Amino acid sequence: MRSCVLPEFDPALIPVEQIPAVLAAFAAWQSALAARLMATPATIVETSIETEDRLLTVQECAERLRKSTKWVYRRTRTLPFAICLGPRSWVFSQKGLEKWLAKQRA
């Protein structure tokens, strides 16, 4: 998967009174990107993902980890290969999962 480079910034430099506006802008940006992803024909998304990385569902991730889906959901914020598509919508990078498993075994 091609990585997206976002401009670097220091959150400590944002004035406290502007933080709510910045958070709202980030939420709007995330929603717009998720809507765009959902509007993309599935064949195009699947083809581009399969060539570089595959996104797994919660069920597929749980099976590969040999854990329950409840266990996976509880740890989505700490698993480095988890990708949030929107509120309560998670997918998992297959390559990221494999790398993480290899690190855990080492």
PDB file of N, CA and C in Angstrom:
ATOM      1  N   MET A   1       0.840  -1.165   0.000  1.00  0.00           N
ATOM      2  CA  MET A   1       0.000   0.000   0.000  1.00  0.00           C
ATOM      3  C   MET A   1       0.892   1.238   0.000  1.00  0.00           C
ATOM      4  N   ARG A   2       0.619   2.163  -0.845  1.00  0.00           N
ATOM      5  CA  ARG A   2       1.408   3.387  -0.931  1.00  0.00           C
ATOM      6  C   ARG A   2       1.103   4.268   0.269  1.00  0.00           C
ATOM      7  N   SER A   3       2.154   4.722   0.933  1.00  0.00           N
ATOM      8  CA  SER A   3       1.922   5.533   2.125  1.00  0.00           C
ATOM      9  C   SER A   3       1.680   6.982   1.737  1.00  0.00           C
ATOM     10  N   CYS A   4       0.887   7.626   2.536  1.00  0.00           N
ATOM     11  CA  CYS A   4       0.547   9.030   2.332  1.00  0.00           C
ATOM     12  C   CYS A   4       1.388   9.866   3.287  1.00  0.00           C
ATOM     13  N   VAL A   5       2.048  10.856   2.755  1.00  0.00           N
ATOM     14  CA  VAL A   5       2.882  11.709   3.596  1.00  0.00           C
ATOM     15  C   VAL A   5       2.103  12.973   3.928  1.00  0.00           C
ATOM     16  N   LEU A   6       1.853  13.157   5.197  1.00  0.00           N
ATOM     17  CA  LEU A   6       1.157  14.353   5.658  1.00  0.00           C
ATOM     18  C   LEU A   6       2.178  15.341   6.187  1.00  0.00           C
ATOM     19  N   PRO A   7       1.885  16.623   6.097  1.00  0.00           N
ATOM     20  CA  PRO A   7       2.836  17.597   6.626  1.00  0.00           C
ATOM     21  C   PRO A   7       3.019  17.409   8.128  1.00  0.00           C
ATOM     22  N   GLU A   8       4.250  17.568   8.578  1.00  0.00           N
ATOM     23  CA  GLU A   8       4.511  17.436  10.005  1.00  0.00           C
ATOM     24  C   GLU A   8       4.121  18.718  10.724  1.00  0.00           C
ATOM     25  N   PHE A   9       3.622  18.565  11.920  1.00  0.00           N
ATOM     26  CA  PHE A   9       3.290  19.722  12.734  1.00  0.00           C
ATOM     27  C   PHE A   9       3.429  19.327  14.190  1.00  0.00           C
ATOM     28  N   ASP A  10       3.607  20.307  15.026  1.00  0.00           N
ATOM     29  CA  ASP A  10       3.739  20.071  16.456  1.00  0.00           C
ATOM     30  C   ASP A  10       2.427  20.454  17.134  1.00  0.00           C
ATOM     31  N   PRO A  11       1.665  19.465  17.643  1.00  0.00           N
ATOM     32  CA  PRO A  11       0.391  19.770  18.292  1.00  0.00           C
ATOM     33  C   PRO A  11       0.529  20.768  19.443  1.00  0.00           C
ATOM     34  N   ALA A  12       1.701  20.816  20.052  1.00  0.00           N
ATOM     35  CA  ALA A  12       1.903  21.741  21.168  1.00  0.00           C
ATOM     36  C   ALA A  12       1.870  23.199  20.712  1.00  0.00           C
ATOM     37  N   LEU A  13       2.061  23.439  19.417  1.00  0.00           N
ATOM     38  CA  LEU A  13       2.061  24.802  18.899  1.00  0.00           C
ATOM     39  C   LEU A  13       0.662  25.322  18.566  1.00  0.00           C
ATOM     40  N   ILE A  14      -0.334  24.433  18.588  1.00  0.00           N
ATOM     41  CA  ILE A  14      -1.700  24.851  18.290  1.00  0.00           C
ATOM     42  C   ILE A  14      -2.299  25.487  19.539  1.00  0.00           C
ATOM     43  N   PRO A  15      -2.784  26.722  19.417  1.00  0.00           N
ATOM     44  CA  PRO A  15      -3.399  27.368  20.578  1.00  0.00           C
ATOM     45  C   PRO A  15      -4.597  26.562  21.080  1.00  0.00           C
ATOM     46  N   VAL A  16      -4.751  26.492  22.370  1.00  0.00           N
ATOM     47  CA  VAL A  16      -5.798  25.679  22.997  1.00  0.00           C
ATOM     48  C   VAL A  16      -7.177  26.033  22.450  1.00  0.00           C
ATOM     49  N   GLU A  17      -7.427  27.314  22.219  1.00  0.00           N
ATOM     50  CA  GLU A  17      -8.760  27.720  21.750  1.00  0.00           C
ATOM     51  C   GLU A  17      -9.033  27.255  20.314  1.00  0.00           C
ATOM     52  N   GLN A  18      -7.993  26.864  19.564  1.00  0.00           N
ATOM     53  CA  GLN A  18      -8.174  26.392  18.191  1.00  0.00           C
ATOM     54  C   GLN A  18      -8.280  24.869  18.092  1.00  0.00           C
ATOM     55  N   ILE A  19      -8.006  24.166  19.185  1.00  0.00           N
ATOM     56  CA  ILE A  19      -8.016  22.694  19.149  1.00  0.00           C
ATOM     57  C   ILE A  19      -9.374  22.131  18.720  1.00  0.00           C
ATOM     58  N   PRO A  20     -10.519  22.620  19.237  1.00  0.00           N
ATOM     59  CA  PRO A  20     -11.801  22.067  18.771  1.00  0.00           C
ATOM     60  C   PRO A  20     -11.998  22.211  17.252  1.00  0.00           C
ATOM     61  N   ALA A  21     -11.596  23.333  16.692  1.00  0.00           N
ATOM     62  CA  ALA A  21     -11.739  23.542  15.248  1.00  0.00           C
ATOM     63  C   ALA A  21     -10.833  22.590  14.471  1.00  0.00           C
ATOM     64  N   VAL A  22      -9.625  22.378  14.967  1.00  0.00           N
ATOM     65  CA  VAL A  22      -8.692  21.461  14.302  1.00  0.00           C
ATOM     66  C   VAL A  22      -9.236  20.035  14.350  1.00  0.00           C
ATOM     67  N   LEU A  23      -9.748  19.625  15.504  1.00  0.00           N
ATOM     68  CA  LEU A  23     -10.314  18.280  15.625  1.00  0.00           C
ATOM     69  C   LEU A  23     -11.526  18.099  14.703  1.00  0.00           C
ATOM     70  N   ALA A  24     -12.348  19.129  14.593  1.00  0.00           N
ATOM     71  CA  ALA A  24     -13.508  19.065  13.694  1.00  0.00           C
ATOM     72  C   ALA A  24     -13.049  18.940  12.245  1.00  0.00           C
ATOM     73  N   ALA A  25     -11.998  19.666  11.887  1.00  0.00           N
ATOM     74  CA  ALA A  25     -11.470  19.586  10.523  1.00  0.00           C
ATOM     75  C   ALA A  25     -10.926  18.189  10.237  1.00  0.00           C
ATOM     76  N   PHE A  26     -10.208  17.609  11.196  1.00  0.00           N
ATOM     77  CA  PHE A  26      -9.701  16.245  11.019  1.00  0.00           C
ATOM     78  C   PHE A  26     -10.850  15.245  10.858  1.00  0.00           C
ATOM     79  N   ALA A  27     -11.888  15.392  11.661  1.00  0.00           N
ATOM     80  CA  ALA A  27     -13.045  14.487  11.574  1.00  0.00           C
ATOM     81  C   ALA A  27     -13.724  14.614  10.216  1.00  0.00           C
ATOM     82  N   ALA A  28     -13.868  15.838   9.719  1.00  0.00           N
ATOM     83  CA  ALA A  28     -14.484  16.051   8.405  1.00  0.00           C
ATOM     84  C   ALA A  28     -13.625  15.430   7.312  1.00  0.00           C
ATOM     85  N   TRP A  29     -12.315  15.582   7.438  1.00  0.00           N
ATOM     86  CA  TRP A  29     -11.394  15.022   6.456  1.00  0.00           C
ATOM     87  C   TRP A  29     -11.486  13.498   6.447  1.00  0.00           C
ATOM     88  N   GLN A  30     -11.526  12.896   7.646  1.00  0.00           N
ATOM     89  CA  GLN A  30     -11.623  11.444   7.752  1.00  0.00           C
ATOM     90  C   GLN A  30     -12.933  10.949   7.142  1.00  0.00           C
ATOM     91  N   SER A  31     -14.029  11.642   7.418  1.00  0.00           N
ATOM     92  CA  SER A  31     -15.328  11.253   6.866  1.00  0.00           C
ATOM     93  C   SER A  31     -15.336  11.350   5.348  1.00  0.00           C
ATOM     94  N   ALA A  32     -14.764  12.417   4.813  1.00  0.00           N
ATOM     95  CA  ALA A  32     -14.720  12.591   3.359  1.00  0.00           C
ATOM     96  C   ALA A  32     -13.897  11.497   2.695  1.00  0.00           C
ATOM     97  N   LEU A  33     -12.764  11.141   3.305  1.00  0.00           N
ATOM     98  CA  LEU A  33     -11.934  10.072   2.741  1.00  0.00           C
ATOM     99  C   LEU A  33     -12.639   8.718   2.817  1.00  0.00           C
ATOM    100  N   ALA A  34     -13.311   8.461   3.926  1.00  0.00           N
ATOM    101  CA  ALA A  34     -14.043   7.193   4.070  1.00  0.00           C
ATOM    102  C   ALA A  34     -15.173   7.117   3.045  1.00  0.00           C
ATOM    103  N   ALA A  35     -15.882   8.222   2.836  1.00  0.00           N
ATOM    104  CA  ALA A  35     -16.964   8.242   1.844  1.00  0.00           C
ATOM    105  C   ALA A  35     -16.415   7.999   0.450  1.00  0.00           C
ATOM    106  N   ARG A  36     -15.278   8.600   0.152  1.00  0.00           N
ATOM    107  CA  ARG A  36     -14.655   8.398  -1.158  1.00  0.00           C
ATOM    108  C   ARG A  36     -14.250   6.944  -1.350  1.00  0.00           C
ATOM    109  N   LEU A  37     -13.703   6.337  -0.298  1.00  0.00           N
ATOM    110  CA  LEU A  37     -13.294   4.940  -0.374  1.00  0.00           C
ATOM    111  C   LEU A  37     -14.505   4.038  -0.594  1.00  0.00           C
ATOM    112  N   MET A  38     -15.596   4.323   0.116  1.00  0.00           N
ATOM    113  CA  MET A  38     -16.801   3.492  -0.032  1.00  0.00           C
ATOM    114  C   MET A  38     -17.455   3.686  -1.393  1.00  0.00           C
ATOM    115  N   ALA A  39     -17.282   4.860  -2.011  1.00  0.00           N
ATOM    116  CA  ALA A  39     -17.878   5.129  -3.314  1.00  0.00           C
ATOM    117  C   ALA A  39     -17.074   4.525  -4.450  1.00  0.00           C
ATOM    118  N   THR A  40     -15.823   4.131  -4.182  1.00  0.00           N
ATOM    119  CA  THR A  40     -14.969   3.546  -5.202  1.00  0.00           C
ATOM    120  C   THR A  40     -15.468   2.139  -5.523  1.00  0.00           C
ATOM    121  N   PRO A  41     -15.587   1.807  -6.803  1.00  0.00           N
ATOM    122  CA  PRO A  41     -16.030   0.449  -7.150  1.00  0.00           C
ATOM    123  C   PRO A  41     -15.132  -0.594  -6.494  1.00  0.00           C
ATOM    124  N   ALA A  42     -15.744  -1.609  -5.940  1.00  0.00           N
ATOM    125  CA  ALA A  42     -15.020  -2.631  -5.174  1.00  0.00           C
ATOM    126  C   ALA A  42     -13.927  -3.300  -5.994  1.00  0.00           C
ATOM    127  N   THR A  43     -14.146  -3.509  -7.281  1.00  0.00           N
ATOM    128  CA  THR A  43     -13.139  -4.197  -8.086  1.00  0.00           C
ATOM    129  C   THR A  43     -11.851  -3.396  -8.175  1.00  0.00           C
ATOM    130  N   ILE A  44     -11.962  -2.071  -8.270  1.00  0.00           N
ATOM    131  CA  ILE A  44     -10.765  -1.233  -8.340  1.00  0.00           C
ATOM    132  C   ILE A  44     -10.017  -1.281  -7.021  1.00  0.00           C
ATOM    133  N   VAL A  45     -10.728  -1.165  -5.902  1.00  0.00           N
ATOM    134  CA  VAL A  45     -10.099  -1.195  -4.587  1.00  0.00           C
ATOM    135  C   VAL A  45      -9.449  -2.549  -4.338  1.00  0.00           C
ATOM    136  N   GLU A  46     -10.167  -3.635  -4.622  1.00  0.00           N
ATOM    137  CA  GLU A  46      -9.628  -4.971  -4.378  1.00  0.00           C
ATOM    138  C   GLU A  46      -8.399  -5.238  -5.231  1.00  0.00           C
ATOM    139  N   THR A  47      -8.411  -4.828  -6.487  1.00  0.00           N
ATOM    140  CA  THR A  47      -7.276  -5.059  -7.372  1.00  0.00           C
ATOM    141  C   THR A  47      -6.046  -4.325  -6.872  1.00  0.00           C
ATOM    142  N   SER A  48      -6.192  -3.067  -6.491  1.00  0.00           N
ATOM    143  CA  SER A  48      -5.035  -2.314  -6.028  1.00  0.00           C
ATOM    144  C   SER A  48      -4.533  -2.831  -4.690  1.00  0.00           C
ATOM    145  N   ILE A  49      -5.416  -3.309  -3.856  1.00  0.00           N
ATOM    146  CA  ILE A  49      -5.019  -3.819  -2.548  1.00  0.00           C
ATOM    147  C   ILE A  49      -4.309  -5.163  -2.695  1.00  0.00           C
ATOM    148  N   GLU A  50      -4.834  -6.027  -3.549  1.00  0.00           N
ATOM    149  CA  GLU A  50      -4.254  -7.359  -3.696  1.00  0.00           C
ATOM    150  C   GLU A  50      -2.835  -7.315  -4.233  1.00  0.00           C
ATOM    151  N   THR A  51      -2.511  -6.333  -5.049  1.00  0.00           N
ATOM    152  CA  THR A  51      -1.164  -6.287  -5.616  1.00  0.00           C
ATOM    153  C   THR A  51      -0.134  -5.870  -4.573  1.00  0.00           C
ATOM    154  N   GLU A  52      -0.544  -5.079  -3.590  1.00  0.00           N
ATOM    155  CA  GLU A  52       0.411  -4.599  -2.606  1.00  0.00           C
ATOM    156  C   GLU A  52       0.132  -5.154  -1.205  1.00  0.00           C
ATOM    157  N   ASP A  53      -1.081  -5.080  -0.772  1.00  0.00           N
ATOM    158  CA  ASP A  53      -1.454  -5.533   0.563  1.00  0.00           C
ATOM    159  C   ASP A  53      -2.933  -5.876   0.523  1.00  0.00           C
ATOM    160  N   ARG A  54      -3.349  -6.713   1.406  1.00  0.00           N
ATOM    161  CA  ARG A  54      -4.751  -7.089   1.486  1.00  0.00           C
ATOM    162  C   ARG A  54      -5.287  -6.606   2.816  1.00  0.00           C
ATOM    163  N   LEU A  55      -6.492  -6.054   2.804  1.00  0.00           N
ATOM    164  CA  LEU A  55      -7.124  -5.625   4.041  1.00  0.00           C
ATOM    165  C   LEU A  55      -8.017  -6.743   4.552  1.00  0.00           C
ATOM    166  N   LEU A  56      -7.854  -7.069   5.811  1.00  0.00           N
ATOM    167  CA  LEU A  56      -8.602  -8.156   6.425  1.00  0.00           C
ATOM    168  C   LEU A  56      -9.755  -7.608   7.249  1.00  0.00           C
ATOM    169  N   THR A  57     -10.829  -8.374   7.326  1.00  0.00           N
ATOM    170  CA  THR A  57     -11.940  -8.024   8.199  1.00  0.00           C
ATOM    171  C   THR A  57     -11.562  -8.383   9.634  1.00  0.00           C
ATOM    172  N   VAL A  58     -12.386  -7.967  10.574  1.00  0.00           N
ATOM    173  CA  VAL A  58     -12.143  -8.306  11.979  1.00  0.00           C
ATOM    174  C   VAL A  58     -12.135  -9.820  12.146  1.00  0.00           C
ATOM    175  N   GLN A  59     -13.059 -10.496  11.503  1.00  0.00           N
ATOM    176  CA  GLN A  59     -13.149 -11.956  11.597  1.00  0.00           C
ATOM    177  C   GLN A  59     -11.889 -12.625  11.055  1.00  0.00           C
ATOM    178  N   GLU A  60     -11.410 -12.175   9.887  1.00  0.00           N
ATOM    179  CA  GLU A  60     -10.198 -12.754   9.300  1.00  0.00           C
ATOM    180  C   GLU A  60      -8.980 -12.491  10.185  1.00  0.00           C
ATOM    181  N   CYS A  61      -8.907 -11.292  10.731  1.00  0.00           N
ATOM    182  CA  CYS A  61      -7.794 -10.945  11.621  1.00  0.00           C
ATOM    183  C   CYS A  61      -7.817 -11.838  12.867  1.00  0.00           C
ATOM    184  N   ALA A  62      -8.988 -12.009  13.454  1.00  0.00           N
ATOM    185  CA  ALA A  62      -9.126 -12.838  14.649  1.00  0.00           C
ATOM    186  C   ALA A  62      -8.700 -14.281  14.365  1.00  0.00           C
ATOM    187  N   GLU A  63      -9.090 -14.793  13.205  1.00  0.00           N
ATOM    188  CA  GLU A  63      -8.718 -16.160  12.844  1.00  0.00           C
ATOM    189  C   GLU A  63      -7.202 -16.312  12.726  1.00  0.00           C
ATOM    190  N   ARG A  64      -6.552 -15.338  12.100  1.00  0.00           N
ATOM    191  CA  ARG A  64      -5.097 -15.424  11.935  1.00  0.00           C
ATOM    192  C   ARG A  64      -4.353 -15.267  13.249  1.00  0.00           C
ATOM    193  N   LEU A  65      -4.945 -14.504  14.165  1.00  0.00           N
ATOM    194  CA  LEU A  65      -4.326 -14.325  15.478  1.00  0.00           C
ATOM    195  C   LEU A  65      -4.711 -15.445  16.449  1.00  0.00           C
ATOM    196  N   ARG A  66      -5.686 -16.255  16.045  1.00  0.00           N
ATOM    197  CA  ARG A  66      -6.231 -17.308  16.907  1.00  0.00           C
ATOM    198  C   ARG A  66      -6.806 -16.711  18.195  1.00  0.00           C
ATOM    199  N   LYS A  67      -7.534 -15.625  18.008  1.00  0.00           N
ATOM    200  CA  LYS A  67      -8.198 -14.919  19.109  1.00  0.00           C
ATOM    201  C   LYS A  67      -9.647 -14.703  18.721  1.00  0.00           C
ATOM    202  N   SER A  68     -10.430 -14.223  19.675  1.00  0.00           N
ATOM    203  CA  SER A  68     -11.833 -13.920  19.384  1.00  0.00           C
ATOM    204  C   SER A  68     -11.937 -12.532  18.748  1.00  0.00           C
ATOM    205  N   THR A  69     -13.055 -12.291  18.080  1.00  0.00           N
ATOM    206  CA  THR A  69     -13.266 -10.955  17.507  1.00  0.00           C
ATOM    207  C   THR A  69     -13.376  -9.922  18.624  1.00  0.00           C
ATOM    208  N   LYS A  70     -13.885 -10.333  19.759  1.00  0.00           N
ATOM    209  CA  LYS A  70     -13.975  -9.424  20.911  1.00  0.00           C
ATOM    210  C   LYS A  70     -12.581  -8.974  21.344  1.00  0.00           C
ATOM    211  N   TRP A  71     -11.630  -9.908  21.367  1.00  0.00           N
ATOM    212  CA  TRP A  71     -10.243  -9.594  21.724  1.00  0.00           C
ATOM    213  C   TRP A  71      -9.671  -8.581  20.736  1.00  0.00           C
ATOM    214  N   VAL A  72      -9.919  -8.790  19.441  1.00  0.00           N
ATOM    215  CA  VAL A  72      -9.403  -7.887  18.407  1.00  0.00           C
ATOM    216  C   VAL A  72     -10.013  -6.497  18.571  1.00  0.00           C
ATOM    217  N   TYR A  73     -11.338  -6.430  18.740  1.00  0.00           N
ATOM    218  CA  TYR A  73     -11.992  -5.132  18.901  1.00  0.00           C
ATOM    219  C   TYR A  73     -11.436  -4.369  20.103  1.00  0.00           C
ATOM    220  N   ARG A  74     -11.187  -5.064  21.195  1.00  0.00           N
ATOM    221  CA  ARG A  74     -10.663  -4.399  22.400  1.00  0.00           C
ATOM    222  C   ARG A  74      -9.285  -3.793  22.165  1.00  0.00           C
ATOM    223  N   ARG A  75      -8.525  -4.341  21.228  1.00  0.00           N
ATOM    224  CA  ARG A  75      -7.150  -3.902  21.021  1.00  0.00           C
ATOM    225  C   ARG A  75      -6.925  -3.125  19.718  1.00  0.00           C
ATOM    226  N   THR A  76      -7.988  -2.750  19.030  1.00  0.00           N
ATOM    227  CA  THR A  76      -7.814  -2.068  17.739  1.00  0.00           C
ATOM    228  C   THR A  76      -6.961  -0.810  17.845  1.00  0.00           C
ATOM    229  N   ARG A  77      -7.073  -0.074  18.927  1.00  0.00           N
ATOM    230  CA  ARG A  77      -6.313   1.175  19.063  1.00  0.00           C
ATOM    231  C   ARG A  77      -4.824   0.928  19.330  1.00  0.00           C
ATOM    232  N   THR A  78      -4.459  -0.266  19.760  1.00  0.00           N
ATOM    233  CA  THR A  78      -3.052  -0.541  20.061  1.00  0.00           C
ATOM    234  C   THR A  78      -2.383  -1.438  19.021  1.00  0.00           C
ATOM    235  N   LEU A  79      -3.152  -2.067  18.168  1.00  0.00           N
ATOM    236  CA  LEU A  79      -2.565  -2.922  17.136  1.00  0.00           C
ATOM    237  C   LEU A  79      -2.055  -2.036  16.002  1.00  0.00           C
ATOM    238  N   PRO A  80      -0.749  -2.112  15.681  1.00  0.00           N
ATOM    239  CA  PRO A  80      -0.172  -1.199  14.689  1.00  0.00           C
ATOM    240  C   PRO A  80      -0.656  -1.429  13.259  1.00  0.00           C
ATOM    241  N   PHE A  81      -1.292  -2.541  12.996  1.00  0.00           N
ATOM    242  CA  PHE A  81      -1.752  -2.852  11.645  1.00  0.00           C
ATOM    243  C   PHE A  81      -3.248  -2.616  11.477  1.00  0.00           C
ATOM    244  N   ALA A  82      -3.902  -2.070  12.501  1.00  0.00           N
ATOM    245  CA  ALA A  82      -5.334  -1.769  12.445  1.00  0.00           C
ATOM    246  C   ALA A  82      -5.550  -0.426  11.751  1.00  0.00           C
ATOM    247  N   ILE A  83      -6.569  -0.369  10.896  1.00  0.00           N
ATOM    248  CA  ILE A  83      -6.874   0.846  10.147  1.00  0.00           C
ATOM    249  C   ILE A  83      -8.333   1.211  10.393  1.00  0.00           C
ATOM    250  N   CYS A  84      -8.564   2.408  10.906  1.00  0.00           N
ATOM    251  CA  CYS A  84      -9.920   2.873  11.170  1.00  0.00           C
ATOM    252  C   CYS A  84     -10.467   3.548   9.920  1.00  0.00           C
ATOM    253  N   LEU A  85     -11.578   3.034   9.394  1.00  0.00           N
ATOM    254  CA  LEU A  85     -12.209   3.628   8.222  1.00  0.00           C
ATOM    255  C   LEU A  85     -13.294   4.618   8.616  1.00  0.00           C
ATOM    256  N   GLY A  86     -13.709   4.572   9.837  1.00  0.00           N
ATOM    257  CA  GLY A  86     -14.770   5.445  10.322  1.00  0.00           C
ATOM    258  C   GLY A  86     -15.234   4.935  11.663  1.00  0.00           C
ATOM    259  N   PRO A  87     -16.272   5.542  12.197  1.00  0.00           N
ATOM    260  CA  PRO A  87     -16.761   5.084  13.495  1.00  0.00           C
ATOM    261  C   PRO A  87     -17.148   3.599  13.447  1.00  0.00           C
ATOM    262  N   ARG A  88     -16.530   2.837  14.307  1.00  0.00           N
ATOM    263  CA  ARG A  88     -16.813   1.393  14.420  1.00  0.00           C
ATOM    264  C   ARG A  88     -16.584   0.619  13.130  1.00  0.00           C
ATOM    265  N   SER A  89     -15.668   1.080  12.316  1.00  0.00           N
ATOM    266  CA  SER A  89     -15.353   0.407  11.060  1.00  0.00           C
ATOM    267  C   SER A  89     -13.847   0.209  10.976  1.00  0.00           C
ATOM    268  N   TRP A  90     -13.411  -1.038  11.136  1.00  0.00           N
ATOM    269  CA  TRP A  90     -11.983  -1.350  11.185  1.00  0.00           C
ATOM    270  C   TRP A  90     -11.626  -2.399  10.144  1.00  0.00           C
ATOM    271  N   VAL A  91     -10.439  -2.254   9.567  1.00  0.00           N
ATOM    272  CA  VAL A  91      -9.831  -3.282   8.723  1.00  0.00           C
ATOM    273  C   VAL A  91      -8.389  -3.425   9.182  1.00  0.00           C
ATOM    274  N   PHE A  92      -7.731  -4.468   8.717  1.00  0.00           N
ATOM    275  CA  PHE A  92      -6.384  -4.783   9.198  1.00  0.00           C
ATOM    276  C   PHE A  92      -5.479  -5.133   8.026  1.00  0.00           C
ATOM    277  N   SER A  93      -4.292  -4.564   8.010  1.00  0.00           N
ATOM    278  CA  SER A  93      -3.316  -4.824   6.962  1.00  0.00           C
ATOM    279  C   SER A  93      -2.751  -6.228   7.142  1.00  0.00           C
ATOM    280  N   GLN A  94      -2.865  -7.040   6.095  1.00  0.00           N
ATOM    281  CA  GLN A  94      -2.346  -8.397   6.160  1.00  0.00           C
ATOM    282  C   GLN A  94      -0.830  -8.385   6.322  1.00  0.00           C
ATOM    283  N   LYS A  95      -0.148  -7.540   5.539  1.00  0.00           N
ATOM    284  CA  LYS A  95       1.308  -7.464   5.649  1.00  0.00           C
ATOM    285  C   LYS A  95       1.711  -6.953   7.029  1.00  0.00           C
ATOM    286  N   GLY A  96       0.988  -5.965   7.530  1.00  0.00           N
ATOM    287  CA  GLY A  96       1.277  -5.438   8.867  1.00  0.00           C
ATOM    288  C   GLY A  96       1.082  -6.500   9.936  1.00  0.00           C
ATOM    289  N   LEU A  97       0.023  -7.280   9.799  1.00  0.00           N
ATOM    290  CA  LEU A  97      -0.261  -8.362  10.748  1.00  0.00           C
ATOM    291  C   LEU A  97       0.867  -9.394  10.717  1.00  0.00           C
ATOM    292  N   GLU A  98       1.299  -9.768   9.510  1.00  0.00           N
ATOM    293  CA  GLU A  98       2.374 -10.763   9.391  1.00  0.00           C
ATOM    294  C   GLU A  98       3.680 -10.258  10.013  1.00  0.00           C
ATOM    295  N   LYS A  99       4.009  -8.989   9.766  1.00  0.00           N
ATOM    296  CA  LYS A  99       5.220  -8.404  10.368  1.00  0.00           C
ATOM    297  C   LYS A  99       5.105  -8.377  11.886  1.00  0.00           C
ATOM    298  N   TRP A 100       3.937  -7.999  12.391  1.00  0.00           N
ATOM    299  CA  TRP A 100       3.721  -7.908  13.838  1.00  0.00           C
ATOM    300  C   TRP A 100       3.843  -9.299  14.474  1.00  0.00           C
ATOM    301  N   LEU A 101       3.255 -10.312  13.821  1.00  0.00           N
ATOM    302  CA  LEU A 101       3.348 -11.684  14.336  1.00  0.00           C
ATOM    303  C   LEU A 101       4.803 -12.151  14.365  1.00  0.00           C
ATOM    304  N   ALA A 102       5.555 -11.830  13.317  1.00  0.00           N
ATOM    305  CA  ALA A 102       6.967 -12.223  13.272  1.00  0.00           C
ATOM    306  C   ALA A 102       7.747 -11.582  14.417  1.00  0.00           C
ATOM    307  N   LYS A 103       7.450 -10.322  14.715  1.00  0.00           N
ATOM    308  CA  LYS A 103       8.113  -9.635  15.842  1.00  0.00           C
ATOM    309  C   LYS A 103       7.751 -10.288  17.169  1.00  0.00           C
ATOM    310  N   GLN A 104       6.481 -10.680  17.313  1.00  0.00           N
ATOM    311  CA  GLN A 104       6.027 -11.283  18.560  1.00  0.00           C
ATOM    312  C   GLN A 104       6.708 -12.633  18.797  1.00  0.00           C
ATOM    313  N   ARG A 105       6.980 -13.350  17.719  1.00  0.00           N
ATOM    314  CA  ARG A 105       7.612 -14.676  17.827  1.00  0.00           C
ATOM    315  C   ARG A 105       9.114 -14.578  18.071  1.00  0.00           C
ATOM    316  N   ALA A 106       9.717 -13.464  17.655  1.00  0.00           N
ATOM    317  CA  ALA A 106      11.177 -13.317  17.773  1.00  0.00           C
ATOM    318  C   ALA A 106      11.622 -13.063  19.198  1.00  0.00           C
TER     319      ALA A 106
END
